[in-house]
Amino acid sequence: MGTNQARRPHATLSAMAAVAALAGALLAPPARADDAADCAKGDGKLLVGKVAAKPKFVHGKFLKGVELSHTHISLVSDADGKTYDVAIDNVFANGYKKNAKAVPAPLNAIKPGDRIAACGQPFDGGIHWVHTNCGDTPTTAHPDGWLRHYQADGSLGPNMESNQAYCPLWGGSH
């Protein structure tokens, strides 16, 4: 077997891997215009992409005896391929347990490769305020944000950041 023949299987596998990666990117359902419009109604900006690493718990300050911890995920944007930090307030997670020292449910189910839509307030290098604003009138500084998984059919799942049990920490609003 000649040198070129010995290299051909490796080259073929590399080409196949490249085609598979491209096909996966092309087959991923795009963000729908309705998703961006829904986000804009709450004065937020939409960031859509794939999760690059498992969620990370970060301790926070205490307010009235409740730790305002966060979960951070790295999201590779569908729009520009850049990686952004998504800062998620744990008290608004639907499965939040007071002062727990771990990523709360349903955020703990997020895994690398998941497609996520984050509606909130962008900052340099990321997005935050991806949670309910406790019924206040939304503004660009305090949008009525949300965080959702894209389902296989391209639709968005439920908001993982809609828990309003801790809104009274801010006098009923945020």
N, C-alpha and C. Protein backbone atom coordinates (compact mmCIF):
# COMPACT_ATOMS: atom_id res chain seq x y z
N MET A 1 0.85 -1.16 0.00
CA MET A 1 0.00 0.00 0.00
C MET A 1 0.90 1.22 0.00
N GLY A 2 0.66 2.18 -0.89
CA GLY A 2 1.47 3.38 -1.00
C GLY A 2 1.14 4.39 0.08
N THR A 3 1.95 5.43 0.18
CA THR A 3 1.77 6.47 1.18
C THR A 3 0.42 7.16 1.03
N ASN A 4 0.02 7.48 -0.18
CA ASN A 4 -1.25 8.17 -0.39
C ASN A 4 -2.43 7.30 0.02
N GLN A 5 -2.33 6.01 -0.24
CA GLN A 5 -3.42 5.12 0.14
C GLN A 5 -3.52 5.00 1.66
N ALA A 6 -2.40 5.01 2.36
CA ALA A 6 -2.42 4.91 3.81
C ALA A 6 -3.06 6.14 4.44
N ARG A 7 -2.92 7.28 3.82
CA ARG A 7 -3.47 8.52 4.37
C ARG A 7 -4.95 8.70 4.01
N ARG A 8 -5.39 8.07 2.98
CA ARG A 8 -6.74 8.29 2.50
C ARG A 8 -7.81 8.02 3.56
N PRO A 9 -7.76 6.91 4.34
CA PRO A 9 -8.81 6.71 5.35
C PRO A 9 -8.86 7.84 6.37
N HIS A 10 -7.70 8.34 6.78
CA HIS A 10 -7.67 9.44 7.75
C HIS A 10 -8.30 10.69 7.15
N ALA A 11 -7.92 10.99 5.91
CA ALA A 11 -8.47 12.16 5.24
C ALA A 11 -9.98 12.00 5.06
N THR A 12 -10.43 10.80 4.73
CA THR A 12 -11.85 10.55 4.55
C THR A 12 -12.59 10.74 5.87
N LEU A 13 -12.04 10.24 6.96
CA LEU A 13 -12.67 10.41 8.27
C LEU A 13 -12.73 11.87 8.65
N SER A 14 -11.66 12.62 8.39
CA SER A 14 -11.66 14.05 8.70
C SER A 14 -12.71 14.78 7.89
N ALA A 15 -12.82 14.44 6.61
CA ALA A 15 -13.82 15.06 5.75
C ALA A 15 -15.22 14.69 6.23
N MET A 16 -15.41 13.44 6.62
CA MET A 16 -16.72 13.01 7.12
C MET A 16 -17.08 13.74 8.41
N ALA A 17 -16.12 13.94 9.29
CA ALA A 17 -16.37 14.66 10.53
C ALA A 17 -16.74 16.11 10.24
N ALA A 18 -16.06 16.73 9.29
CA ALA A 18 -16.37 18.11 8.92
C ALA A 18 -17.77 18.21 8.34
N VAL A 19 -18.15 17.26 7.47
CA VAL A 19 -19.48 17.26 6.88
C VAL A 19 -20.54 17.04 7.96
N ALA A 20 -20.26 16.14 8.90
CA ALA A 20 -21.22 15.88 10.00
C ALA A 20 -21.40 17.12 10.85
N ALA A 21 -20.32 17.82 11.15
CA ALA A 21 -20.41 19.03 11.96
C ALA A 21 -21.21 20.10 11.23
N LEU A 22 -20.96 20.27 9.93
CA LEU A 22 -21.69 21.24 9.14
C LEU A 22 -23.16 20.87 9.06
N ALA A 23 -23.45 19.60 8.85
CA ALA A 23 -24.85 19.15 8.77
C ALA A 23 -25.56 19.41 10.09
N GLY A 24 -24.88 19.16 11.21
CA GLY A 24 -25.48 19.42 12.51
C GLY A 24 -25.81 20.89 12.69
N ALA A 25 -24.90 21.75 12.25
CA ALA A 25 -25.15 23.19 12.35
C ALA A 25 -26.30 23.61 11.45
N LEU A 26 -26.38 23.04 10.25
CA LEU A 26 -27.43 23.40 9.32
C LEU A 26 -28.78 22.84 9.74
N LEU A 27 -28.79 21.69 10.41
CA LEU A 27 -30.04 21.07 10.81
C LEU A 27 -30.59 21.63 12.12
N ALA A 28 -29.78 22.38 12.87
CA ALA A 28 -30.26 22.97 14.11
C ALA A 28 -31.37 23.96 13.76
N PRO A 29 -32.52 23.84 14.42
CA PRO A 29 -33.60 24.77 14.10
C PRO A 29 -33.17 26.20 14.40
N PRO A 30 -33.41 27.12 13.48
CA PRO A 30 -33.03 28.51 13.73
C PRO A 30 -33.97 29.14 14.75
N ALA A 31 -33.51 30.23 15.35
CA ALA A 31 -34.39 30.99 16.23
C ALA A 31 -35.52 31.53 15.36
N ARG A 32 -36.71 31.45 15.85
CA ARG A 32 -37.85 31.95 15.08
C ARG A 32 -38.00 33.45 15.32
N ALA A 33 -38.53 34.14 14.34
CA ALA A 33 -38.77 35.58 14.47
C ALA A 33 -39.68 35.86 15.66
N ASP A 34 -40.62 34.93 15.93
CA ASP A 34 -41.52 35.10 17.07
C ASP A 34 -40.76 35.13 18.39
N ASP A 35 -39.68 34.37 18.48
CA ASP A 35 -38.89 34.33 19.72
C ASP A 35 -38.26 35.69 19.98
N ALA A 36 -37.68 36.29 18.95
CA ALA A 36 -37.07 37.61 19.08
C ALA A 36 -38.14 38.66 19.39
N ALA A 37 -39.30 38.55 18.73
CA ALA A 37 -40.39 39.50 18.97
C ALA A 37 -40.92 39.37 20.40
N ASP A 38 -41.05 38.13 20.87
CA ASP A 38 -41.50 37.88 22.24
C ASP A 38 -40.53 38.50 23.24
N CYS A 39 -39.25 38.34 22.98
CA CYS A 39 -38.23 38.91 23.85
C CYS A 39 -38.28 40.43 23.82
N ALA A 40 -38.41 41.00 22.63
CA ALA A 40 -38.44 42.46 22.48
C ALA A 40 -39.65 43.07 23.20
N LYS A 41 -40.78 42.34 23.26
CA LYS A 41 -41.96 42.84 23.98
C LYS A 41 -41.64 43.09 25.44
N GLY A 42 -40.72 42.30 25.99
CA GLY A 42 -40.33 42.47 27.39
C GLY A 42 -39.09 43.35 27.54
N ASP A 43 -38.76 44.11 26.48
CA ASP A 43 -37.60 45.01 26.46
C ASP A 43 -36.27 44.30 26.60
N GLY A 44 -36.22 43.02 26.21
CA GLY A 44 -34.97 42.27 26.27
C GLY A 44 -34.36 42.10 24.90
N LYS A 45 -33.17 41.54 24.90
CA LYS A 45 -32.46 41.15 23.68
C LYS A 45 -32.31 39.64 23.71
N LEU A 46 -32.40 39.02 22.54
CA LEU A 46 -32.36 37.56 22.44
C LEU A 46 -30.96 37.08 22.07
N LEU A 47 -30.48 36.09 22.81
CA LEU A 47 -29.22 35.41 22.51
C LEU A 47 -29.55 33.93 22.41
N VAL A 48 -29.22 33.33 21.26
CA VAL A 48 -29.52 31.92 21.01
C VAL A 48 -28.23 31.21 20.65
N GLY A 49 -28.05 30.02 21.21
CA GLY A 49 -26.87 29.25 20.85
C GLY A 49 -26.81 27.93 21.56
N LYS A 50 -25.63 27.30 21.44
CA LYS A 50 -25.41 25.99 22.06
C LYS A 50 -24.57 26.15 23.31
N VAL A 51 -24.94 25.41 24.34
CA VAL A 51 -24.22 25.42 25.60
C VAL A 51 -22.87 24.74 25.38
N ALA A 52 -21.80 25.40 25.85
CA ALA A 52 -20.43 24.90 25.64
C ALA A 52 -19.90 24.12 26.83
N ALA A 53 -20.43 24.34 28.01
CA ALA A 53 -19.92 23.66 29.22
C ALA A 53 -21.07 23.52 30.22
N LYS A 54 -20.93 22.59 31.14
CA LYS A 54 -22.00 22.38 32.12
C LYS A 54 -22.18 23.63 32.99
N PRO A 55 -23.39 23.84 33.52
CA PRO A 55 -23.65 25.00 34.36
C PRO A 55 -22.74 25.05 35.59
N LYS A 56 -22.38 26.26 35.98
CA LYS A 56 -21.49 26.45 37.12
C LYS A 56 -22.18 27.31 38.19
N PHE A 57 -22.18 26.82 39.43
CA PHE A 57 -22.75 27.55 40.57
C PHE A 57 -21.76 28.61 41.05
N VAL A 58 -22.28 29.82 41.33
CA VAL A 58 -21.46 30.91 41.85
C VAL A 58 -22.19 31.52 43.05
N HIS A 59 -21.50 31.58 44.18
CA HIS A 59 -22.08 32.19 45.39
C HIS A 59 -22.37 33.66 45.15
N GLY A 60 -23.31 34.20 45.93
CA GLY A 60 -23.67 35.62 45.82
C GLY A 60 -23.85 36.24 47.19
N LYS A 61 -24.21 37.50 47.17
CA LYS A 61 -24.44 38.21 48.43
C LYS A 61 -25.80 37.78 49.00
N PHE A 62 -26.03 38.16 50.24
CA PHE A 62 -27.28 37.83 50.90
C PHE A 62 -28.17 39.05 50.96
N LEU A 63 -29.46 38.86 50.74
CA LEU A 63 -30.47 39.89 50.86
C LEU A 63 -31.59 39.33 51.73
N LYS A 64 -31.78 39.93 52.89
CA LYS A 64 -32.83 39.50 53.81
C LYS A 64 -32.75 38.00 54.09
N GLY A 65 -31.53 37.49 54.26
CA GLY A 65 -31.31 36.10 54.61
C GLY A 65 -31.34 35.11 53.45
N VAL A 66 -31.47 35.60 52.23
CA VAL A 66 -31.51 34.73 51.05
C VAL A 66 -30.27 35.00 50.20
N GLU A 67 -29.50 33.93 49.92
CA GLU A 67 -28.33 34.10 49.08
C GLU A 67 -28.75 34.32 47.63
N LEU A 68 -28.24 35.38 47.03
CA LEU A 68 -28.53 35.69 45.64
C LEU A 68 -27.44 35.07 44.76
N SER A 69 -27.40 33.75 44.79
CA SER A 69 -26.42 33.00 44.01
C SER A 69 -26.81 33.01 42.53
N HIS A 70 -25.87 32.61 41.71
CA HIS A 70 -26.08 32.58 40.27
C HIS A 70 -25.61 31.24 39.69
N THR A 71 -26.11 30.95 38.52
CA THR A 71 -25.59 29.87 37.71
C THR A 71 -25.07 30.53 36.44
N HIS A 72 -23.89 30.11 36.01
CA HIS A 72 -23.31 30.64 34.77
C HIS A 72 -23.18 29.52 33.76
N ILE A 73 -23.53 29.82 32.51
CA ILE A 73 -23.28 28.89 31.41
C ILE A 73 -22.59 29.66 30.29
N SER A 74 -21.77 28.95 29.55
CA SER A 74 -21.13 29.50 28.35
C SER A 74 -21.97 29.09 27.16
N LEU A 75 -22.34 30.08 26.35
CA LEU A 75 -23.21 29.84 25.21
C LEU A 75 -22.53 30.32 23.94
N VAL A 76 -22.39 29.40 22.97
CA VAL A 76 -21.81 29.75 21.67
C VAL A 76 -22.96 30.24 20.79
N SER A 77 -22.92 31.51 20.44
CA SER A 77 -24.00 32.16 19.70
C SER A 77 -24.17 31.60 18.30
N ASP A 78 -25.42 31.33 17.93
CA ASP A 78 -25.74 30.93 16.57
C ASP A 78 -25.44 32.08 15.60
N ALA A 79 -25.58 33.31 16.06
CA ALA A 79 -25.45 34.48 15.19
C ALA A 79 -24.01 34.76 14.77
N ASP A 80 -23.06 34.67 15.72
CA ASP A 80 -21.69 35.08 15.39
C ASP A 80 -20.61 34.07 15.79
N GLY A 81 -21.01 32.95 16.40
CA GLY A 81 -20.04 31.92 16.78
C GLY A 81 -19.20 32.26 17.99
N LYS A 82 -19.43 33.42 18.59
CA LYS A 82 -18.68 33.81 19.79
C LYS A 82 -19.29 33.16 21.01
N THR A 83 -18.47 32.99 22.05
CA THR A 83 -18.94 32.42 23.30
C THR A 83 -19.30 33.54 24.28
N TYR A 84 -20.50 33.44 24.84
CA TYR A 84 -21.00 34.45 25.76
C TYR A 84 -21.30 33.81 27.12
N ASP A 85 -21.15 34.61 28.17
CA ASP A 85 -21.49 34.20 29.53
C ASP A 85 -22.96 34.51 29.75
N VAL A 86 -23.72 33.52 30.21
CA VAL A 86 -25.11 33.73 30.59
C VAL A 86 -25.16 33.64 32.11
N ALA A 87 -25.46 34.78 32.74
CA ALA A 87 -25.54 34.86 34.20
C ALA A 87 -27.01 34.71 34.60
N ILE A 88 -27.30 33.66 35.36
CA ILE A 88 -28.68 33.30 35.68
C ILE A 88 -28.89 33.41 37.19
N ASP A 89 -29.87 34.22 37.60
CA ASP A 89 -30.19 34.37 39.03
C ASP A 89 -30.91 33.12 39.51
N ASN A 90 -30.33 32.44 40.49
CA ASN A 90 -30.91 31.18 40.96
C ASN A 90 -32.26 31.34 41.65
N VAL A 91 -32.51 32.48 42.34
CA VAL A 91 -33.78 32.62 43.06
C VAL A 91 -34.99 32.59 42.13
N PHE A 92 -34.79 32.83 40.83
CA PHE A 92 -35.89 32.81 39.89
C PHE A 92 -36.04 31.46 39.18
N ALA A 93 -35.11 30.54 39.44
CA ALA A 93 -35.21 29.19 38.86
C ALA A 93 -36.40 28.48 39.48
N ASN A 94 -37.14 27.76 38.66
CA ASN A 94 -38.38 27.15 39.12
C ASN A 94 -38.19 26.12 40.22
N GLY A 95 -37.00 25.53 40.35
CA GLY A 95 -36.75 24.54 41.39
C GLY A 95 -35.83 25.04 42.50
N TYR A 96 -35.70 26.36 42.64
CA TYR A 96 -34.78 26.94 43.63
C TYR A 96 -35.17 26.54 45.06
N LYS A 97 -34.18 26.12 45.82
CA LYS A 97 -34.34 25.82 47.25
C LYS A 97 -33.51 26.85 48.01
N LYS A 98 -34.10 27.53 48.95
CA LYS A 98 -33.46 28.63 49.68
C LYS A 98 -32.05 28.26 50.15
N ASN A 99 -31.10 29.07 49.72
CA ASN A 99 -29.69 29.00 50.13
C ASN A 99 -28.99 27.69 49.82
N ALA A 100 -29.53 26.92 48.88
CA ALA A 100 -28.86 25.69 48.45
C ALA A 100 -27.53 26.07 47.79
N LYS A 101 -26.56 25.24 47.92
CA LYS A 101 -25.21 25.51 47.41
C LYS A 101 -24.95 24.72 46.13
N ALA A 102 -25.94 24.66 45.25
CA ALA A 102 -25.81 23.89 44.01
C ALA A 102 -26.68 24.53 42.93
N VAL A 103 -26.42 24.20 41.70
CA VAL A 103 -27.23 24.66 40.58
C VAL A 103 -28.64 24.10 40.78
N PRO A 104 -29.66 24.97 40.83
CA PRO A 104 -31.02 24.48 41.07
C PRO A 104 -31.66 23.88 39.81
N ALA A 105 -32.70 23.08 40.06
CA ALA A 105 -33.54 22.57 38.96
C ALA A 105 -34.33 23.76 38.41
N PRO A 106 -34.60 23.81 37.17
CA PRO A 106 -34.24 22.92 36.09
C PRO A 106 -32.89 23.26 35.45
N LEU A 107 -32.20 24.25 35.98
CA LEU A 107 -30.91 24.66 35.40
C LEU A 107 -29.88 23.54 35.45
N ASN A 108 -30.01 22.66 36.44
CA ASN A 108 -29.05 21.55 36.59
C ASN A 108 -29.20 20.51 35.48
N ALA A 109 -30.26 20.60 34.70
CA ALA A 109 -30.47 19.65 33.59
C ALA A 109 -29.84 20.15 32.28
N ILE A 110 -29.36 21.40 32.27
CA ILE A 110 -28.72 21.95 31.07
C ILE A 110 -27.39 21.23 30.88
N LYS A 111 -27.13 20.84 29.63
CA LYS A 111 -25.87 20.13 29.36
C LYS A 111 -25.22 20.67 28.08
N PRO A 112 -23.92 20.45 27.94
CA PRO A 112 -23.25 20.90 26.72
C PRO A 112 -23.95 20.34 25.48
N GLY A 113 -24.10 21.21 24.48
CA GLY A 113 -24.76 20.83 23.24
C GLY A 113 -26.22 21.25 23.18
N ASP A 114 -26.84 21.52 24.34
CA ASP A 114 -28.23 21.98 24.35
C ASP A 114 -28.32 23.34 23.66
N ARG A 115 -29.41 23.55 22.92
CA ARG A 115 -29.67 24.88 22.35
C ARG A 115 -30.55 25.63 23.32
N ILE A 116 -30.11 26.83 23.66
CA ILE A 116 -30.77 27.66 24.66
C ILE A 116 -31.11 29.01 24.04
N ALA A 117 -32.23 29.57 24.45
CA ALA A 117 -32.59 30.95 24.12
C ALA A 117 -32.59 31.73 25.42
N ALA A 118 -31.81 32.79 25.47
CA ALA A 118 -31.74 33.65 26.65
C ALA A 118 -32.23 35.03 26.26
N CYS A 119 -33.27 35.49 26.91
CA CYS A 119 -33.81 36.82 26.69
C CYS A 119 -33.50 37.63 27.93
N GLY A 120 -32.79 38.72 27.76
CA GLY A 120 -32.45 39.53 28.91
C GLY A 120 -31.71 40.79 28.51
N GLN A 121 -30.82 41.21 29.40
CA GLN A 121 -30.05 42.43 29.18
C GLN A 121 -28.61 42.07 28.82
N PRO A 122 -28.18 42.44 27.63
CA PRO A 122 -26.79 42.13 27.26
C PRO A 122 -25.80 43.00 28.03
N PHE A 123 -24.62 42.44 28.27
CA PHE A 123 -23.49 43.20 28.80
C PHE A 123 -22.27 42.77 28.01
N ASP A 124 -21.18 43.47 28.15
CA ASP A 124 -19.99 43.14 27.37
C ASP A 124 -19.55 41.72 27.69
N GLY A 125 -19.72 40.82 26.74
CA GLY A 125 -19.32 39.43 26.91
C GLY A 125 -20.40 38.49 27.37
N GLY A 126 -21.63 39.00 27.49
CA GLY A 126 -22.68 38.10 27.93
C GLY A 126 -24.05 38.71 28.03
N ILE A 127 -24.91 38.02 28.78
CA ILE A 127 -26.29 38.45 28.98
C ILE A 127 -26.70 38.06 30.40
N HIS A 128 -27.49 38.91 31.03
CA HIS A 128 -28.06 38.60 32.34
C HIS A 128 -29.49 39.12 32.37
N TRP A 129 -30.10 39.08 33.54
CA TRP A 129 -31.50 39.47 33.72
C TRP A 129 -32.38 38.59 32.84
N VAL A 130 -32.03 37.28 32.80
CA VAL A 130 -32.77 36.31 31.98
C VAL A 130 -33.85 35.65 32.85
N HIS A 131 -34.60 36.50 33.54
CA HIS A 131 -35.61 36.01 34.48
C HIS A 131 -36.79 36.97 34.50
N THR A 132 -37.85 36.54 35.17
CA THR A 132 -39.02 37.38 35.36
C THR A 132 -38.60 38.70 36.01
N ASN A 133 -39.36 39.75 35.74
CA ASN A 133 -39.10 41.01 36.42
C ASN A 133 -40.17 41.27 37.48
N CYS A 134 -40.82 40.21 37.91
CA CYS A 134 -41.80 40.24 39.01
C CYS A 134 -43.00 41.13 38.72
N GLY A 135 -43.35 41.27 37.46
CA GLY A 135 -44.54 42.04 37.11
C GLY A 135 -44.32 43.53 36.91
N ASP A 136 -43.10 44.01 37.12
CA ASP A 136 -42.82 45.42 36.86
C ASP A 136 -42.92 45.70 35.37
N THR A 137 -43.15 46.95 35.02
CA THR A 137 -43.13 47.33 33.61
C THR A 137 -41.71 47.13 33.10
N PRO A 138 -41.54 46.35 32.03
CA PRO A 138 -40.19 46.08 31.54
C PRO A 138 -39.52 47.34 30.97
N THR A 139 -38.21 47.40 31.18
CA THR A 139 -37.37 48.43 30.58
C THR A 139 -36.12 47.73 30.06
N THR A 140 -35.33 48.42 29.27
CA THR A 140 -34.10 47.79 28.77
C THR A 140 -33.13 47.50 29.91
N ALA A 141 -33.20 48.28 30.99
CA ALA A 141 -32.34 48.04 32.16
C ALA A 141 -32.88 46.90 33.03
N HIS A 142 -34.18 46.66 32.98
CA HIS A 142 -34.83 45.60 33.77
C HIS A 142 -35.89 44.91 32.91
N PRO A 143 -35.43 44.13 31.91
CA PRO A 143 -36.40 43.47 31.02
C PRO A 143 -37.16 42.36 31.73
N ASP A 144 -38.25 41.94 31.10
CA ASP A 144 -38.97 40.76 31.56
C ASP A 144 -38.37 39.60 30.78
N GLY A 145 -37.25 39.08 31.29
CA GLY A 145 -36.47 38.10 30.57
C GLY A 145 -36.90 36.67 30.82
N TRP A 146 -36.23 35.77 30.11
CA TRP A 146 -36.51 34.34 30.25
C TRP A 146 -35.36 33.51 29.73
N LEU A 147 -35.36 32.23 30.10
CA LEU A 147 -34.34 31.27 29.68
C LEU A 147 -35.08 29.98 29.32
N ARG A 148 -34.89 29.50 28.06
CA ARG A 148 -35.63 28.34 27.59
C ARG A 148 -34.76 27.44 26.73
N HIS A 149 -35.05 26.14 26.79
CA HIS A 149 -34.45 25.16 25.89
C HIS A 149 -35.21 25.18 24.57
N TYR A 150 -34.49 24.99 23.47
CA TYR A 150 -35.16 24.72 22.21
C TYR A 150 -35.46 23.23 22.17
N GLN A 151 -36.68 22.90 21.78
CA GLN A 151 -37.11 21.52 21.64
C GLN A 151 -36.69 21.00 20.27
N ALA A 152 -36.79 19.69 20.06
CA ALA A 152 -36.40 19.07 18.79
C ALA A 152 -37.17 19.64 17.60
N ASP A 153 -38.41 20.07 17.82
CA ASP A 153 -39.23 20.60 16.72
C ASP A 153 -38.98 22.09 16.46
N GLY A 154 -38.04 22.70 17.22
CA GLY A 154 -37.72 24.11 17.03
C GLY A 154 -38.51 25.05 17.92
N SER A 155 -39.48 24.51 18.65
CA SER A 155 -40.25 25.36 19.57
C SER A 155 -39.47 25.53 20.87
N LEU A 156 -39.84 26.55 21.61
CA LEU A 156 -39.20 26.79 22.90
C LEU A 156 -39.96 26.08 24.01
N GLY A 157 -39.20 25.50 24.93
CA GLY A 157 -39.79 24.90 26.11
C GLY A 157 -40.19 25.98 27.10
N PRO A 158 -40.65 25.58 28.28
CA PRO A 158 -41.09 26.56 29.28
C PRO A 158 -39.93 27.39 29.82
N ASN A 159 -40.26 28.56 30.32
CA ASN A 159 -39.29 29.44 30.95
C ASN A 159 -38.76 28.79 32.23
N MET A 160 -37.46 28.62 32.30
CA MET A 160 -36.84 28.02 33.49
C MET A 160 -36.63 29.05 34.60
N GLU A 161 -36.89 30.33 34.31
CA GLU A 161 -36.61 31.43 35.24
C GLU A 161 -37.87 32.26 35.52
N SER A 162 -38.98 31.59 35.85
CA SER A 162 -40.24 32.30 36.07
C SER A 162 -40.73 32.25 37.52
N ASN A 163 -39.93 31.71 38.44
CA ASN A 163 -40.30 31.62 39.85
C ASN A 163 -40.40 33.02 40.44
N GLN A 164 -41.57 33.38 40.98
CA GLN A 164 -41.76 34.70 41.58
C GLN A 164 -41.86 34.65 43.10
N ALA A 165 -41.55 33.50 43.70
CA ALA A 165 -41.67 33.36 45.15
C ALA A 165 -40.79 34.34 45.92
N TYR A 166 -39.67 34.74 45.35
CA TYR A 166 -38.75 35.62 46.07
C TYR A 166 -38.85 37.08 45.63
N CYS A 167 -39.86 37.43 44.84
CA CYS A 167 -40.06 38.83 44.44
C CYS A 167 -40.20 39.76 45.64
N PRO A 168 -40.82 39.33 46.74
CA PRO A 168 -40.95 40.21 47.90
C PRO A 168 -39.61 40.69 48.49
N LEU A 169 -38.51 40.03 48.16
CA LEU A 169 -37.20 40.49 48.62
C LEU A 169 -36.93 41.93 48.15
N TRP A 170 -37.56 42.29 47.02
CA TRP A 170 -37.37 43.63 46.45
C TRP A 170 -38.63 44.46 46.61
N GLY A 171 -39.43 44.16 47.63
CA GLY A 171 -40.66 44.91 47.87
C GLY A 171 -41.77 44.56 46.89
N GLY A 172 -41.76 43.32 46.40
CA GLY A 172 -42.81 42.87 45.47
C GLY A 172 -42.43 43.08 44.03
N SER A 173 -41.35 43.80 43.80
CA SER A 173 -40.88 43.99 42.44
C SER A 173 -39.36 43.87 42.47
N HIS A 174 -38.77 43.91 41.34
CA HIS A 174 -37.31 43.73 41.24
C HIS A 174 -36.65 45.03 40.87
